[in-house]
PDB file of N, CA and C in Angstrom:
ATOM      1  N   MET A   1       0.844  -1.177   0.000  1.00  0.00           N
ATOM      2  CA  MET A   1       0.000   0.000   0.000  1.00  0.00           C
ATOM      3  C   MET A   1       0.892   1.244   0.000  1.00  0.00           C
ATOM      4  N   LEU A   2       0.512   2.217  -0.797  1.00  0.00           N
ATOM      5  CA  LEU A   2       1.232   3.484  -0.835  1.00  0.00           C
ATOM      6  C   LEU A   2       0.815   4.364   0.336  1.00  0.00           C
ATOM      7  N   ILE A   3       1.789   5.008   0.940  1.00  0.00           N
ATOM      8  CA  ILE A   3       1.510   5.982   1.988  1.00  0.00           C
ATOM      9  C   ILE A   3       2.244   7.265   1.626  1.00  0.00           C
ATOM     10  N   PHE A   4       1.470   8.340   1.466  1.00  0.00           N
ATOM     11  CA  PHE A   4       2.025   9.651   1.142  1.00  0.00           C
ATOM     12  C   PHE A   4       1.785  10.594   2.310  1.00  0.00           C
ATOM     13  N   THR A   5       2.725  11.494   2.545  1.00  0.00           N
ATOM     14  CA  THR A   5       2.523  12.556   3.529  1.00  0.00           C
ATOM     15  C   THR A   5       2.072  13.794   2.780  1.00  0.00           C
ATOM     16  N   CYS A   6       0.897  14.282   3.118  1.00  0.00           N
ATOM     17  CA  CYS A   6       0.362  15.471   2.462  1.00  0.00           C
ATOM     18  C   CYS A   6       1.248  16.665   2.815  1.00  0.00           C
ATOM     19  N   PRO A   7       1.785  17.368   1.820  1.00  0.00           N
ATOM     20  CA  PRO A   7       2.664  18.501   2.108  1.00  0.00           C
ATOM     21  C   PRO A   7       1.923  19.710   2.690  1.00  0.00           C
ATOM     22  N   TYR A   8       0.610  19.696   2.653  1.00  0.00           N
ATOM     23  CA  TYR A   8      -0.166  20.823   3.159  1.00  0.00           C
ATOM     24  C   TYR A   8      -0.578  20.629   4.613  1.00  0.00           C
ATOM     25  N   CYS A   9      -1.193  19.481   4.926  1.00  0.00           N
ATOM     26  CA  CYS A   9      -1.685  19.265   6.294  1.00  0.00           C
ATOM     27  C   CYS A   9      -0.779  18.355   7.109  1.00  0.00           C
ATOM     28  N   GLY A  10       0.216  17.720   6.470  1.00  0.00           N
ATOM     29  CA  GLY A  10       1.180  16.900   7.195  1.00  0.00           C
ATOM     30  C   GLY A  10       0.706  15.514   7.580  1.00  0.00           C
ATOM     31  N   VAL A  11      -0.470  15.112   7.138  1.00  0.00           N
ATOM     32  CA  VAL A  11      -1.017  13.801   7.482  1.00  0.00           C
ATOM     33  C   VAL A  11      -0.396  12.733   6.583  1.00  0.00           C
ATOM     34  N   ALA A  12       0.046  11.623   7.184  1.00  0.00           N
ATOM     35  CA  ALA A  12       0.508  10.460   6.421  1.00  0.00           C
ATOM     36  C   ALA A  12      -0.731   9.652   6.063  1.00  0.00           C
ATOM     37  N   ALA A  13      -1.117   9.683   4.804  1.00  0.00           N
ATOM     38  CA  ALA A  13      -2.366   9.068   4.348  1.00  0.00           C
ATOM     39  C   ALA A  13      -2.068   7.910   3.410  1.00  0.00           C
ATOM     40  N   ASP A  14      -2.812   6.817   3.581  1.00  0.00           N
ATOM     41  CA  ASP A  14      -2.642   5.719   2.625  1.00  0.00           C
ATOM     42  C   ASP A  14      -3.480   6.009   1.385  1.00  0.00           C
ATOM     43  N   GLU A  15      -3.252   5.213   0.368  1.00  0.00           N
ATOM     44  CA  GLU A  15      -3.855   5.509  -0.933  1.00  0.00           C
ATOM     45  C   GLU A  15      -5.383   5.461  -0.925  1.00  0.00           C
ATOM     46  N   THR A  16      -5.986   4.843   0.081  1.00  0.00           N
ATOM     47  CA  THR A  16      -7.451   4.822   0.139  1.00  0.00           C
ATOM     48  C   THR A  16      -8.027   6.175   0.531  1.00  0.00           C
ATOM     49  N   GLU A  17      -7.205   7.059   1.095  1.00  0.00           N
ATOM     50  CA  GLU A  17      -7.648   8.408   1.461  1.00  0.00           C
ATOM     51  C   GLU A  17      -7.353   9.425   0.367  1.00  0.00           C
ATOM     52  N   LEU A  18      -6.728   8.962  -0.703  1.00  0.00           N
ATOM     53  CA  LEU A  18      -6.258   9.846  -1.766  1.00  0.00           C
ATOM     54  C   LEU A  18      -6.924   9.507  -3.090  1.00  0.00           C
ATOM     55  N   SER A  19      -6.860  10.431  -4.021  1.00  0.00           N
ATOM     56  CA  SER A  19      -7.325  10.203  -5.390  1.00  0.00           C
ATOM     57  C   SER A  19      -6.167  10.473  -6.331  1.00  0.00           C
ATOM     58  N   ALA A  20      -5.872   9.516  -7.183  1.00  0.00           N
ATOM     59  CA  ALA A  20      -4.787   9.683  -8.154  1.00  0.00           C
ATOM     60  C   ALA A  20      -5.234  10.627  -9.257  1.00  0.00           C
ATOM     61  N   GLY A  21      -4.322  11.468  -9.706  1.00  0.00           N
ATOM     62  CA  GLY A  21      -4.660  12.444 -10.736  1.00  0.00           C
ATOM     63  C   GLY A  21      -3.791  12.362 -11.962  1.00  0.00           C
ATOM     64  N   GLY A  22      -3.021  11.289 -12.115  1.00  0.00           N
ATOM     65  CA  GLY A  22      -2.213  11.112 -13.313  1.00  0.00           C
ATOM     66  C   GLY A  22      -0.833  11.718 -13.201  1.00  0.00           C
ATOM     67  N   GLU A  23      -0.222  11.878 -14.333  1.00  0.00           N
ATOM     68  CA  GLU A  23       1.159  12.348 -14.422  1.00  0.00           C
ATOM     69  C   GLU A  23       1.284  13.823 -14.028  1.00  0.00           C
ATOM     70  N   ALA A  24       2.345  14.134 -13.316  1.00  0.00           N
ATOM     71  CA  ALA A  24       2.618  15.516 -12.898  1.00  0.00           C
ATOM     72  C   ALA A  24       3.498  16.222 -13.931  1.00  0.00           C
ATOM     73  N   HIS A  25       3.558  17.518 -13.829  1.00  0.00           N
ATOM     74  CA  HIS A  25       4.450  18.366 -14.626  1.00  0.00           C
ATOM     75  C   HIS A  25       4.175  18.286 -16.126  1.00  0.00           C
ATOM     76  N   LEU A  26       2.910  18.259 -16.488  1.00  0.00           N
ATOM     77  CA  LEU A  26       2.552  18.278 -17.902  1.00  0.00           C
ATOM     78  C   LEU A  26       2.524  19.713 -18.399  1.00  0.00           C
ATOM     79  N   LYS A  27       2.985  19.920 -19.612  1.00  0.00           N
ATOM     80  CA  LYS A  27       2.848  21.225 -20.239  1.00  0.00           C
ATOM     81  C   LYS A  27       1.464  21.273 -20.860  1.00  0.00           C
ATOM     82  N   ARG A  28       0.669  22.221 -20.422  1.00  0.00           N
ATOM     83  CA  ARG A  28      -0.705  22.290 -20.870  1.00  0.00           C
ATOM     84  C   ARG A  28      -0.852  23.128 -22.140  1.00  0.00           C
ATOM     85  N   PHE A  29      -1.688  22.634 -23.040  1.00  0.00           N
ATOM     86  CA  PHE A  29      -1.995  23.338 -24.278  1.00  0.00           C
ATOM     87  C   PHE A  29      -3.508  23.505 -24.355  1.00  0.00           C
ATOM     88  N   GLY A  30      -3.947  24.620 -24.844  1.00  0.00           N
ATOM     89  CA  GLY A  30      -5.376  24.881 -24.938  1.00  0.00           C
ATOM     90  C   GLY A  30      -5.727  25.543 -26.243  1.00  0.00           C
ATOM     91  N   PRO A  31      -6.738  26.408 -26.224  1.00  0.00           N
ATOM     92  CA  PRO A  31      -7.163  27.095 -27.441  1.00  0.00           C
ATOM     93  C   PRO A  31      -5.995  27.842 -28.092  1.00  0.00           C
ATOM     94  N   GLY A  32      -5.930  27.740 -29.385  1.00  0.00           N
ATOM     95  CA  GLY A  32      -4.877  28.423 -30.127  1.00  0.00           C
ATOM     96  C   GLY A  32      -3.643  27.570 -30.336  1.00  0.00           C
ATOM     97  N   SER A  33      -3.569  26.410 -29.695  1.00  0.00           N
ATOM     98  CA  SER A  33      -2.409  25.544 -29.888  1.00  0.00           C
ATOM     99  C   SER A  33      -2.612  24.698 -31.141  1.00  0.00           C
ATOM    100  N   SER A  34      -1.534  24.094 -31.594  1.00  0.00           N
ATOM    101  CA  SER A  34      -1.657  23.231 -32.767  1.00  0.00           C
ATOM    102  C   SER A  34      -2.402  21.951 -32.380  1.00  0.00           C
ATOM    103  N   ASP A  35      -2.942  21.295 -33.372  1.00  0.00           N
ATOM    104  CA  ASP A  35      -3.654  20.034 -33.124  1.00  0.00           C
ATOM    105  C   ASP A  35      -2.719  18.994 -32.517  1.00  0.00           C
ATOM    106  N   ASP A  36      -1.476  18.940 -32.991  1.00  0.00           N
ATOM    107  CA  ASP A  36      -0.516  17.967 -32.463  1.00  0.00           C
ATOM    108  C   ASP A  36      -0.185  18.243 -31.000  1.00  0.00           C
ATOM    109  N   ASP A  37       0.019  19.517 -30.647  1.00  0.00           N
ATOM    110  CA  ASP A  37       0.306  19.868 -29.256  1.00  0.00           C
ATOM    111  C   ASP A  37      -0.870  19.526 -28.350  1.00  0.00           C
ATOM    112  N   PHE A  38      -2.077  19.852 -28.796  1.00  0.00           N
ATOM    113  CA  PHE A  38      -3.257  19.590 -27.979  1.00  0.00           C
ATOM    114  C   PHE A  38      -3.496  18.082 -27.831  1.00  0.00           C
ATOM    115  N   GLU A  39      -3.305  17.343 -28.910  1.00  0.00           N
ATOM    116  CA  GLU A  39      -3.442  15.887 -28.850  1.00  0.00           C
ATOM    117  C   GLU A  39      -2.423  15.292 -27.878  1.00  0.00           C
ATOM    118  N   GLY A  40      -1.190  15.772 -27.934  1.00  0.00           N
ATOM    119  CA  GLY A  40      -0.159  15.297 -27.016  1.00  0.00           C
ATOM    120  C   GLY A  40      -0.514  15.573 -25.563  1.00  0.00           C
ATOM    121  N   TYR A  41      -1.052  16.759 -25.301  1.00  0.00           N
ATOM    122  CA  TYR A  41      -1.460  17.117 -23.946  1.00  0.00           C
ATOM    123  C   TYR A  41      -2.585  16.210 -23.445  1.00  0.00           C
ATOM    124  N   LEU A  42      -3.543  15.909 -24.310  1.00  0.00           N
ATOM    125  CA  LEU A  42      -4.681  15.093 -23.890  1.00  0.00           C
ATOM    126  C   LEU A  42      -4.362  13.608 -23.740  1.00  0.00           C
ATOM    127  N   PHE A  43      -3.529  13.074 -24.634  1.00  0.00           N
ATOM    128  CA  PHE A  43      -3.419  11.623 -24.717  1.00  0.00           C
ATOM    129  C   PHE A  43      -2.040  11.029 -24.461  1.00  0.00           C
ATOM    130  N   VAL A  44      -0.974  11.775 -24.631  1.00  0.00           N
ATOM    131  CA  VAL A  44       0.362  11.192 -24.513  1.00  0.00           C
ATOM    132  C   VAL A  44       0.855  11.315 -23.077  1.00  0.00           C
ATOM    133  N   ARG A  45       1.149  10.172 -22.470  1.00  0.00           N
ATOM    134  CA  ARG A  45       1.663  10.135 -21.105  1.00  0.00           C
ATOM    135  C   ARG A  45       2.840   9.179 -21.043  1.00  0.00           C
ATOM    136  N   GLU A  46       3.749   9.487 -20.145  1.00  0.00           N
ATOM    137  CA  GLU A  46       4.848   8.568 -19.908  1.00  0.00           C
ATOM    138  C   GLU A  46       4.324   7.467 -18.995  1.00  0.00           C
ATOM    139  N   ASN A  47       4.849   6.301 -19.150  1.00  0.00           N
ATOM    140  CA  ASN A  47       4.459   5.183 -18.301  1.00  0.00           C
ATOM    141  C   ASN A  47       5.734   4.422 -17.953  1.00  0.00           C
ATOM    142  N   PRO A  48       6.606   5.064 -17.163  1.00  0.00           N
ATOM    143  CA  PRO A  48       7.933   4.484 -16.965  1.00  0.00           C
ATOM    144  C   PRO A  48       7.940   3.300 -16.008  1.00  0.00           C
ATOM    145  N   LYS A  49       8.914   2.468 -16.226  1.00  0.00           N
ATOM    146  CA  LYS A  49       9.235   1.429 -15.256  1.00  0.00           C
ATOM    147  C   LYS A  49      10.362   2.033 -14.433  1.00  0.00           C
ATOM    148  N   GLY A  50      10.014   2.585 -13.298  1.00  0.00           N
ATOM    149  CA  GLY A  50      11.000   3.275 -12.468  1.00  0.00           C
ATOM    150  C   GLY A  50      10.407   4.523 -11.850  1.00  0.00           C
ATOM    151  N   VAL A  51      11.234   5.539 -11.681  1.00  0.00           N
ATOM    152  CA  VAL A  51      10.817   6.768 -11.008  1.00  0.00           C
ATOM    153  C   VAL A  51       9.813   7.526 -11.864  1.00  0.00           C
ATOM    154  N   HIS A  52       8.767   7.999 -11.191  1.00  0.00           N
ATOM    155  CA  HIS A  52       7.689   8.701 -11.881  1.00  0.00           C
ATOM    156  C   HIS A  52       7.149   9.801 -10.967  1.00  0.00           C
ATOM    157  N   PHE A  53       6.670  10.881 -11.558  1.00  0.00           N
ATOM    158  CA  PHE A  53       6.087  11.994 -10.810  1.00  0.00           C
ATOM    159  C   PHE A  53       4.589  12.031 -11.094  1.00  0.00           C
ATOM    160  N   GLU A  54       3.796  12.046 -10.036  1.00  0.00           N
ATOM    161  CA  GLU A  54       2.356  11.935 -10.178  1.00  0.00           C
ATOM    162  C   GLU A  54       1.634  13.025  -9.396  1.00  0.00           C
ATOM    163  N   ARG A  55       0.377  13.259  -9.777  1.00  0.00           N
ATOM    164  CA  ARG A  55      -0.504  14.176  -9.047  1.00  0.00           C
ATOM    165  C   ARG A  55      -1.429  13.346  -8.172  1.00  0.00           C
ATOM    166  N   TRP A  56      -1.637  13.800  -6.948  1.00  0.00           N
ATOM    167  CA  TRP A  56      -2.551  13.139  -6.020  1.00  0.00           C
ATOM    168  C   TRP A  56      -3.370  14.203  -5.304  1.00  0.00           C
ATOM    169  N   ARG A  57      -4.569  13.819  -4.879  1.00  0.00           N
ATOM    170  CA  ARG A  57      -5.433  14.722  -4.118  1.00  0.00           C
ATOM    171  C   ARG A  57      -5.756  14.068  -2.781  1.00  0.00           C
ATOM    172  N   HIS A  58      -5.594  14.825  -1.713  1.00  0.00           N
ATOM    173  CA  HIS A  58      -5.910  14.332  -0.376  1.00  0.00           C
ATOM    174  C   HIS A  58      -7.430  14.406  -0.205  1.00  0.00           C
ATOM    175  N   ALA A  59      -8.122  13.490  -0.853  1.00  0.00           N
ATOM    176  CA  ALA A  59      -9.582  13.534  -0.982  1.00  0.00           C
ATOM    177  C   ALA A  59     -10.317  13.459   0.352  1.00  0.00           C
ATOM    178  N   TYR A  60      -9.855  12.617   1.263  1.00  0.00           N
ATOM    179  CA  TYR A  60     -10.527  12.464   2.550  1.00  0.00           C
ATOM    180  C   TYR A  60      -9.775  13.183   3.659  1.00  0.00           C
ATOM    181  N   GLY A  61      -9.111  14.246   3.284  1.00  0.00           N
ATOM    182  CA  GLY A  61      -8.377  15.071   4.236  1.00  0.00           C
ATOM    183  C   GLY A  61      -8.603  16.528   3.899  1.00  0.00           C
ATOM    184  N   CYS A  62      -7.510  17.239   3.640  1.00  0.00           N
ATOM    185  CA  CYS A  62      -7.612  18.674   3.375  1.00  0.00           C
ATOM    186  C   CYS A  62      -8.153  18.986   1.981  1.00  0.00           C
ATOM    187  N   GLY A  63      -8.186  17.987   1.076  1.00  0.00           N
ATOM    188  CA  GLY A  63      -8.759  18.182  -0.248  1.00  0.00           C
ATOM    189  C   GLY A  63      -7.822  18.797  -1.269  1.00  0.00           C
ATOM    190  N   LYS A  64      -6.574  19.063  -0.894  1.00  0.00           N
ATOM    191  CA  LYS A  64      -5.652  19.745  -1.809  1.00  0.00           C
ATOM    192  C   LYS A  64      -4.890  18.758  -2.691  1.00  0.00           C
ATOM    193  N   TRP A  65      -4.510  19.266  -3.860  1.00  0.00           N
ATOM    194  CA  TRP A  65      -3.692  18.509  -4.809  1.00  0.00           C
ATOM    195  C   TRP A  65      -2.223  18.672  -4.450  1.00  0.00           C
ATOM    196  N   PHE A  66      -1.439  17.614  -4.664  1.00  0.00           N
ATOM    197  CA  PHE A  66       0.008  17.683  -4.471  1.00  0.00           C
ATOM    198  C   PHE A  66       0.689  16.737  -5.456  1.00  0.00           C
ATOM    199  N   HIS A  67       1.989  16.854  -5.550  1.00  0.00           N
ATOM    200  CA  HIS A  67       2.778  15.975  -6.407  1.00  0.00           C
ATOM    201  C   HIS A  67       3.522  14.974  -5.542  1.00  0.00           C
ATOM    202  N   ALA A  68       3.764  13.796  -6.096  1.00  0.00           N
ATOM    203  CA  ALA A  68       4.526  12.756  -5.401  1.00  0.00           C
ATOM    204  C   ALA A  68       5.534  12.153  -6.363  1.00  0.00           C
ATOM    205  N   ALA A  69       6.706  11.829  -5.839  1.00  0.00           N
ATOM    206  CA  ALA A  69       7.734  11.122  -6.604  1.00  0.00           C
ATOM    207  C   ALA A  69       7.809   9.718  -6.039  1.00  0.00           C
ATOM    208  N   ARG A  70       7.659   8.726  -6.918  1.00  0.00           N
ATOM    209  CA  ARG A  70       7.738   7.348  -6.450  1.00  0.00           C
ATOM    210  C   ARG A  70       8.276   6.455  -7.547  1.00  0.00           C
ATOM    211  N   CYS A  71       8.689   5.268  -7.154  1.00  0.00           N
ATOM    212  CA  CYS A  71       9.187   4.266  -8.098  1.00  0.00           C
ATOM    213  C   CYS A  71       8.044   3.307  -8.404  1.00  0.00           C
ATOM    214  N   THR A  72       7.735   3.111  -9.663  1.00  0.00           N
ATOM    215  CA  THR A  72       6.642   2.235 -10.053  1.00  0.00           C
ATOM    216  C   THR A  72       7.012   0.764  -9.929  1.00  0.00           C
ATOM    217  N   VAL A  73       8.289   0.453  -9.763  1.00  0.00           N
ATOM    218  CA  VAL A  73       8.727  -0.933  -9.610  1.00  0.00           C
ATOM    219  C   VAL A  73       8.690  -1.347  -8.145  1.00  0.00           C
ATOM    220  N   SER A  74       9.340  -0.571  -7.293  1.00  0.00           N
ATOM    221  CA  SER A  74       9.451  -0.928  -5.876  1.00  0.00           C
ATOM    222  C   SER A  74       8.350  -0.317  -5.018  1.00  0.00           C
ATOM    223  N   MET A  75       7.575   0.611  -5.568  1.00  0.00           N
ATOM    224  CA  MET A  75       6.536   1.347  -4.852  1.00  0.00           C
ATOM    225  C   MET A  75       7.113   2.270  -3.779  1.00  0.00           C
ATOM    226  N   GLU A  76       8.422   2.515  -3.809  1.00  0.00           N
ATOM    227  CA  GLU A  76       9.056   3.415  -2.850  1.00  0.00           C
ATOM    228  C   GLU A  76       8.639   4.854  -3.136  1.00  0.00           C
ATOM    229  N   VAL A  77       8.274   5.567  -2.091  1.00  0.00           N
ATOM    230  CA  VAL A  77       7.894   6.968  -2.206  1.00  0.00           C
ATOM    231  C   VAL A  77       9.105   7.813  -1.812  1.00  0.00           C
ATOM    232  N   PHE A  78       9.540   8.689  -2.720  1.00  0.00           N
ATOM    233  CA  PHE A  78      10.702   9.538  -2.462  1.00  0.00           C
ATOM    234  C   PHE A  78      10.321  10.849  -1.796  1.00  0.00           C
ATOM    235  N   GLY A  79       9.068  11.245  -1.930  1.00  0.00           N
ATOM    236  CA  GLY A  79       8.618  12.468  -1.283  1.00  0.00           C
ATOM    237  C   GLY A  79       7.413  13.069  -1.975  1.00  0.00           C
ATOM    238  N   THR A  80       6.829  14.053  -1.301  1.00  0.00           N
ATOM    239  CA  THR A  80       5.691  14.788  -1.835  1.00  0.00           C
ATOM    240  C   THR A  80       5.989  16.277  -1.745  1.00  0.00           C
ATOM    241  N   TYR A  81       5.313  17.057  -2.583  1.00  0.00           N
ATOM    242  CA  TYR A  81       5.543  18.502  -2.612  1.00  0.00           C
ATOM    243  C   TYR A  81       4.357  19.198  -3.255  1.00  0.00           C
ATOM    244  N   SER A  82       4.311  20.489  -3.107  1.00  0.00           N
ATOM    245  CA  SER A  82       3.205  21.319  -3.567  1.00  0.00           C
ATOM    246  C   SER A  82       2.936  21.141  -5.064  1.00  0.00           C
ATOM    247  N   ALA A  83       1.668  21.132  -5.416  1.00  0.00           N
ATOM    248  CA  ALA A  83       1.279  21.008  -6.823  1.00  0.00           C
ATOM    249  C   ALA A  83       1.636  22.247  -7.630  1.00  0.00           C
ATOM    250  N   GLN A  84       1.898  23.361  -6.964  1.00  0.00           N
ATOM    251  CA  GLN A  84       2.248  24.590  -7.665  1.00  0.00           C
ATOM    252  C   GLN A  84       3.735  24.637  -8.030  1.00  0.00           C
ATOM    253  N   THR A  85       4.483  23.631  -7.647  1.00  0.00           N
ATOM    254  CA  THR A  85       5.915  23.554  -7.930  1.00  0.00           C
ATOM    255  C   THR A  85       6.116  23.044  -9.352  1.00  0.00           C
ATOM    256  N   THR A  86       6.941  23.749 -10.129  1.00  0.00           N
ATOM    257  CA  THR A  86       7.141  23.363 -11.523  1.00  0.00           C
ATOM    258  C   THR A  86       8.261  22.350 -11.707  1.00  0.00           C
ATOM    259  N   ARG A  87       9.073  22.168 -10.681  1.00  0.00           N
ATOM    260  CA  ARG A  87      10.188  21.215 -10.735  1.00  0.00           C
ATOM    261  C   ARG A  87      10.282  20.544  -9.363  1.00  0.00           C
ATOM    262  N   PRO A  88      10.551  19.242  -9.328  1.00  0.00           N
ATOM    263  CA  PRO A  88      10.682  18.577  -8.030  1.00  0.00           C
ATOM    264  C   PRO A  88      11.778  19.220  -7.180  1.00  0.00           C
ATOM    265  N   PRO A  89      11.570  19.317  -5.871  1.00  0.00           N
ATOM    266  CA  PRO A  89      12.578  19.913  -4.982  1.00  0.00           C
ATOM    267  C   PRO A  89      13.894  19.130  -5.007  1.00  0.00           C
ATOM    268  N   GLU A  90      14.985  19.833  -4.761  1.00  0.00           N
ATOM    269  CA  GLU A  90      16.315  19.231  -4.825  1.00  0.00           C
ATOM    270  C   GLU A  90      16.493  18.095  -3.813  1.00  0.00           C
ATOM    271  N   ASP A  91      15.886  18.210  -2.625  1.00  0.00           N
ATOM    272  CA  ASP A  91      16.047  17.135  -1.641  1.00  0.00           C
ATOM    273  C   ASP A  91      15.407  15.833  -2.128  1.00  0.00           C
ATOM    274  N   ILE A  92      14.288  15.927  -2.826  1.00  0.00           N
ATOM    275  CA  ILE A  92      13.642  14.731  -3.381  1.00  0.00           C
ATOM    276  C   ILE A  92      14.474  14.181  -4.529  1.00  0.00           C
ATOM    277  N   LEU A  93      14.977  15.059  -5.386  1.00  0.00           N
ATOM    278  CA  LEU A  93      15.851  14.596  -6.476  1.00  0.00           C
ATOM    279  C   LEU A  93      17.090  13.912  -5.909  1.00  0.00           C
ATOM    280  N   GLY A  94      17.620  14.433  -4.803  1.00  0.00           N
ATOM    281  CA  GLY A  94      18.787  13.827  -4.158  1.00  0.00           C
ATOM    282  C   GLY A  94      18.495  12.419  -3.676  1.00  0.00           C
ATOM    283  N   ARG A  95      17.310  12.207  -3.079  1.00  0.00           N
ATOM    284  CA  ARG A  95      16.929  10.866  -2.624  1.00  0.00           C
ATOM    285  C   ARG A  95      16.774   9.906  -3.802  1.00  0.00           C
ATOM    286  N   ILE A  96      16.264  10.422  -4.912  1.00  0.00           N
ATOM    287  CA  ILE A  96      16.118   9.590  -6.112  1.00  0.00           C
ATOM    288  C   ILE A  96      17.486   9.190  -6.643  1.00  0.00           C
ATOM    289  N   VAL A  97      18.393  10.147  -6.728  1.00  0.00           N
ATOM    290  CA  VAL A  97      19.727   9.900  -7.278  1.00  0.00           C
ATOM    291  C   VAL A  97      20.507   8.906  -6.418  1.00  0.00           C
ATOM    292  N   GLU A  98      20.285   8.921  -5.103  1.00  0.00           N
ATOM    293  CA  GLU A  98      20.946   7.949  -4.229  1.00  0.00           C
ATOM    294  C   GLU A  98      20.624   6.523  -4.644  1.00  0.00           C
ATOM    295  N   LYS A  99      19.382   6.277  -5.014  1.00  0.00           N
ATOM    296  CA  LYS A  99      18.946   4.927  -5.406  1.00  0.00           C
ATOM    297  C   LYS A  99      19.103   4.659  -6.903  1.00  0.00           C
ATOM    298  N   HIS A 100      19.010   5.716  -7.696  1.00  0.00           N
ATOM    299  CA  HIS A 100      19.049   5.590  -9.160  1.00  0.00           C
ATOM    300  C   HIS A 100      20.044   6.621  -9.714  1.00  0.00           C
ATOM    301  N   PRO A 101      21.354   6.321  -9.667  1.00  0.00           N
ATOM    302  CA  PRO A 101      22.381   7.314 -10.048  1.00  0.00           C
ATOM    303  C   PRO A 101      22.255   7.864 -11.467  1.00  0.00           C
ATOM    304  N   ASN A 102      21.699   7.101 -12.381  1.00  0.00           N
ATOM    305  CA  ASN A 102      21.572   7.556 -13.772  1.00  0.00           C
ATOM    306  C   ASN A 102      20.176   8.075 -14.083  1.00  0.00           C
ATOM    307  N   PHE A 103      19.475   8.509 -13.071  1.00  0.00           N
ATOM    308  CA  PHE A 103      18.105   8.973 -13.220  1.00  0.00           C
ATOM    309  C   PHE A 103      18.006  10.108 -14.232  1.00  0.00           C
ATOM    310  N   LYS A 104      17.018   9.998 -15.133  1.00  0.00           N
ATOM    311  CA  LYS A 104      16.688  11.058 -16.088  1.00  0.00           C
ATOM    312  C   LYS A 104      15.198  10.949 -16.375  1.00  0.00           C
ATOM    313  N   TRP A 105      14.528  12.067 -16.287  1.00  0.00           N
ATOM    314  CA  TRP A 105      13.102  12.114 -16.605  1.00  0.00           C
ATOM    315  C   TRP A 105      12.831  13.451 -17.264  1.00  0.00           C
ATOM    316  N   ARG A 106      12.412  13.409 -18.519  1.00  0.00           N
ATOM    317  CA  ARG A 106      12.201  14.614 -19.316  1.00  0.00           C
ATOM    318  C   ARG A 106      13.447  15.495 -19.259  1.00  0.00           C
ATOM    319  N   ASP A 107      13.305  16.729 -18.770  1.00  0.00           N
ATOM    320  CA  ASP A 107      14.454  17.630 -18.707  1.00  0.00           C
ATOM    321  C   ASP A 107      15.140  17.592 -17.346  1.00  0.00           C
ATOM    322  N   ILE A 108      14.755  16.643 -16.486  1.00  0.00           N
ATOM    323  CA  ILE A 108      15.318  16.539 -15.144  1.00  0.00           C
ATOM    324  C   ILE A 108      16.325  15.392 -15.139  1.00  0.00           C
ATOM    325  N   GLU A 109      17.558  15.696 -14.802  1.00  0.00           N
ATOM    326  CA  GLU A 109      18.600  14.686 -14.777  1.00  0.00           C
ATOM    327  C   GLU A 109      19.198  14.576 -13.396  1.00  0.00           C
ATOM    328  N   ALA A 110      19.924  13.484 -13.195  1.00  0.00           N
ATOM    329  CA  ALA A 110      20.647  13.301 -11.938  1.00  0.00           C
ATOM    330  C   ALA A 110      21.722  14.363 -11.833  1.00  0.00           C
ATOM    331  N   ALA A 111      21.940  14.856 -10.605  1.00  0.00           N
ATOM    332  CA  ALA A 111      22.992  15.850 -10.371  1.00  0.00           C
ATOM    333  C   ALA A 111      24.354  15.219 -10.645  1.00  0.00           C
ATOM    334  N   GLU A 112      25.242  16.002 -11.194  1.00  0.00           N
ATOM    335  CA  GLU A 112      26.571  15.458 -11.536  1.00  0.00           C
ATOM    336  C   GLU A 112      27.531  15.651 -10.400  1.00  0.00           C
TER     337      GLU A 112
END
């Protein structure tokens, strides 16, 4: 079972208290964008075997959305952070790099 700590209210909640919201850090496209960009935003998602960044909502708690970094293989949770953050915090990236030295996800790479 996944257990996330809500970065807003500080409660350690298991996945039954949360609602999954899909992949985090998507670049959003709307009216005026090209058909290819809009299609990519709606339908194209990464589905990695390994570290992944996701959106979650503390549905049975404070109700706020947050981001979580976890490994889809081991189910290890590296940390949670505000949904308004455009890049994962350095301390979470550091924990990821400790376990996965060659980590790379989109434009985010392991520190050298």
